[in-house]
C-alpha atoms as a PDB file:
ATOM      1  CA  MET A   1     114.636 -65.085 -36.938  1.00  0.00           C
ATOM      2  CA  SER A   2     111.807 -65.477 -34.803  1.00  0.00           C
ATOM      3  CA  GLY A   3     110.123 -63.060 -32.383  1.00  0.00           C
ATOM      4  CA  ILE A   4     111.253 -64.749 -29.634  1.00  0.00           C
ATOM      5  CA  GLU A   5     114.650 -64.851 -30.646  1.00  0.00           C
ATOM      6  CA  ILE A   6     114.595 -60.979 -31.662  1.00  0.00           C
ATOM      7  CA  MET A   7     113.452 -60.514 -27.711  1.00  0.00           C
ATOM      8  CA  GLY A   8     116.094 -62.478 -26.312  1.00  0.00           C
ATOM      9  CA  ILE A   9     118.796 -60.583 -28.542  1.00  0.00           C
ATOM     10  CA  ILE A  10     117.197 -57.228 -27.368  1.00  0.00           C
ATOM     11  CA  ALA A  11     117.363 -58.651 -23.668  1.00  0.00           C
ATOM     12  CA  GLY A  12     120.909 -59.799 -23.803  1.00  0.00           C
ATOM     13  CA  GLY A  13     121.927 -56.845 -25.609  1.00  0.00           C
ATOM     14  CA  LEU A  14     120.273 -54.779 -22.597  1.00  0.00           C
ATOM     15  CA  THR A  15     122.113 -56.680 -19.977  1.00  0.00           C
ATOM     16  CA  THR A  16     125.226 -56.757 -21.849  1.00  0.00           C
ATOM     17  CA  THR A  17     125.545 -52.981 -22.444  1.00  0.00           C
ATOM     18  CA  SER A  18     124.728 -52.359 -18.529  1.00  0.00           C
ATOM     19  CA  LEU A  19     128.406 -53.210 -18.158  1.00  0.00           C
ATOM     20  CA  VAL A  20     129.917 -50.782 -20.546  1.00  0.00           C
ATOM     21  CA  PRO A  21     129.311 -47.608 -18.224  1.00  0.00           C
ATOM     22  CA  GLN A  22     131.407 -49.543 -15.758  1.00  0.00           C
ATOM     23  CA  VAL A  23     134.130 -50.532 -18.039  1.00  0.00           C
ATOM     24  CA  ILE A  24     134.530 -46.734 -19.540  1.00  0.00           C
ATOM     25  CA  LYS A  25     134.493 -45.287 -15.598  1.00  0.00           C
ATOM     26  CA  THR A  26     136.824 -48.120 -14.650  1.00  0.00           C
ATOM     27  CA  TYR A  27     139.457 -47.155 -17.724  1.00  0.00           C
ATOM     28  CA  LYS A  28     139.141 -43.169 -17.458  1.00  0.00           C
ATOM     29  CA  SER A  29     139.741 -43.279 -13.689  1.00  0.00           C
ATOM     30  CA  ARG A  30     142.348 -45.929 -13.611  1.00  0.00           C
ATOM     31  CA  SER A  31     140.994 -47.299 -10.598  1.00  0.00           C
ATOM     32  CA  ALA A  32     139.294 -50.516  -9.883  1.00  0.00           C
ATOM     33  CA  ALA A  33     139.668 -50.711  -5.946  1.00  0.00           C
ATOM     34  CA  ASP A  34     135.778 -50.419  -5.728  1.00  0.00           C
ATOM     35  CA  LEU A  35     135.385 -53.943  -7.547  1.00  0.00           C
ATOM     36  CA  SER A  36     134.648 -57.123  -6.105  1.00  0.00           C
ATOM     37  CA  LEU A  37     137.369 -59.411  -7.405  1.00  0.00           C
ATOM     38  CA  LYS A  38     135.016 -62.343  -5.981  1.00  0.00           C
ATOM     39  CA  MET A  39     131.954 -60.979  -7.712  1.00  0.00           C
ATOM     40  CA  PHE A  40     133.355 -60.523 -11.165  1.00  0.00           C
ATOM     41  CA  SER A  41     135.383 -63.766 -11.050  1.00  0.00           C
ATOM     42  CA  LEU A  42     132.268 -65.691 -10.188  1.00  0.00           C
ATOM     43  CA  PHE A  43     130.197 -63.549 -12.677  1.00  0.00           C
ATOM     44  CA  SER A  44     132.698 -64.444 -15.464  1.00  0.00           C
ATOM     45  CA  LEU A  45     132.637 -68.077 -14.516  1.00  0.00           C
ATOM     46  CA  GLY A  46     128.626 -67.850 -14.869  1.00  0.00           C
ATOM     47  CA  VAL A  47     128.565 -66.118 -18.107  1.00  0.00           C
ATOM     48  CA  LEU A  48     131.478 -68.489 -19.588  1.00  0.00           C
ATOM     49  CA  LEU A  49     129.015 -71.370 -18.617  1.00  0.00           C
ATOM     50  CA  TRP A  50     126.162 -69.677 -20.131  1.00  0.00           C
ATOM     51  CA  LEU A  51     128.190 -69.342 -23.381  1.00  0.00           C
ATOM     52  CA  ILE A  52     129.001 -72.736 -23.377  1.00  0.00           C
ATOM     53  CA  TYR A  53     125.273 -73.715 -23.044  1.00  0.00           C
ATOM     54  CA  GLY A  54     124.455 -71.723 -25.936  1.00  0.00           C
ATOM     55  CA  ILE A  55     126.962 -73.297 -28.292  1.00  0.00           C
ATOM     56  CA  ILE A  56     125.986 -76.533 -27.540  1.00  0.00           C
ATOM     57  CA  ASN A  57     121.980 -75.652 -27.911  1.00  0.00           C
ATOM     58  CA  LYS A  58     123.304 -73.555 -30.860  1.00  0.00           C
ATOM     59  CA  ASP A  59     121.070 -70.516 -29.585  1.00  0.00           C
ATOM     60  CA  LEU A  60     122.259 -67.552 -31.131  1.00  0.00           C
ATOM     61  CA  PRO A  61     120.967 -64.958 -28.528  1.00  0.00           C
ATOM     62  CA  ILE A  62     122.422 -66.451 -25.723  1.00  0.00           C
ATOM     63  CA  ILE A  63     125.801 -67.050 -27.559  1.00  0.00           C
ATOM     64  CA  LEU A  64     125.937 -63.195 -28.796  1.00  0.00           C
ATOM     65  CA  ALA A  65     124.795 -61.673 -25.482  1.00  0.00           C
ATOM     66  CA  ASN A  66     127.327 -63.924 -23.215  1.00  0.00           C
ATOM     67  CA  LEU A  67     130.088 -63.272 -25.743  1.00  0.00           C
ATOM     68  CA  PHE A  68     129.941 -60.007 -25.394  1.00  0.00           C
ATOM     69  CA  THR A  69     129.181 -59.905 -21.450  1.00  0.00           C
ATOM     70  CA  LEU A  70     132.330 -62.436 -20.807  1.00  0.00           C
ATOM     71  CA  ALA A  71     134.323 -59.814 -22.829  1.00  0.00           C
ATOM     72  CA  LEU A  72     133.259 -56.842 -20.725  1.00  0.00           C
ATOM     73  CA  ALA A  73     133.473 -59.136 -17.687  1.00  0.00           C
ATOM     74  CA  LEU A  74     136.889 -60.010 -18.295  1.00  0.00           C
ATOM     75  CA  THR A  75     138.129 -56.502 -19.308  1.00  0.00           C
ATOM     76  CA  LEU A  76     136.859 -55.313 -15.660  1.00  0.00           C
ATOM     77  CA  LEU A  77     138.757 -58.417 -14.237  1.00  0.00           C
ATOM     78  CA  PHE A  78     141.818 -56.995 -16.166  1.00  0.00           C
ATOM     79  CA  PHE A  79     141.577 -53.593 -14.749  1.00  0.00           C
ATOM     80  CA  LYS A  80     140.999 -55.110 -11.587  1.00  0.00           C
ATOM     81  CA  PHE A  81     144.428 -56.595 -11.742  1.00  0.00           C
ATOM     82  CA  ARG A  82     146.057 -53.989 -13.857  1.00  0.00           C
ATOM     83  CA  PHE A  83     144.993 -50.674 -11.801  1.00  0.00           C
ATOM     84  CA  LYS A  84     145.932 -51.878  -8.160  1.00  0.00           C
ATOM     85  CA  GLY A  85     145.250 -49.695  -5.549  1.00  0.00           C
END
């Protein structure tokens, strides 16, 4: 693995983990009222397209980062519908 790939994995890890506190807060509070449905829908679609791009190009850092980011974003979308109000 090259230094550039390692840097990509670290960058992806940092941006991906930025969603973890929001997932935890939303789960604990059982409230997603402050989450924007439009924003997280568009964000999830963008991340899905990045994931597909990474798969097509066999780019491991892009695949890993976007796979986990998509899982977290979809979790927040799930909470948005689950914790109405």
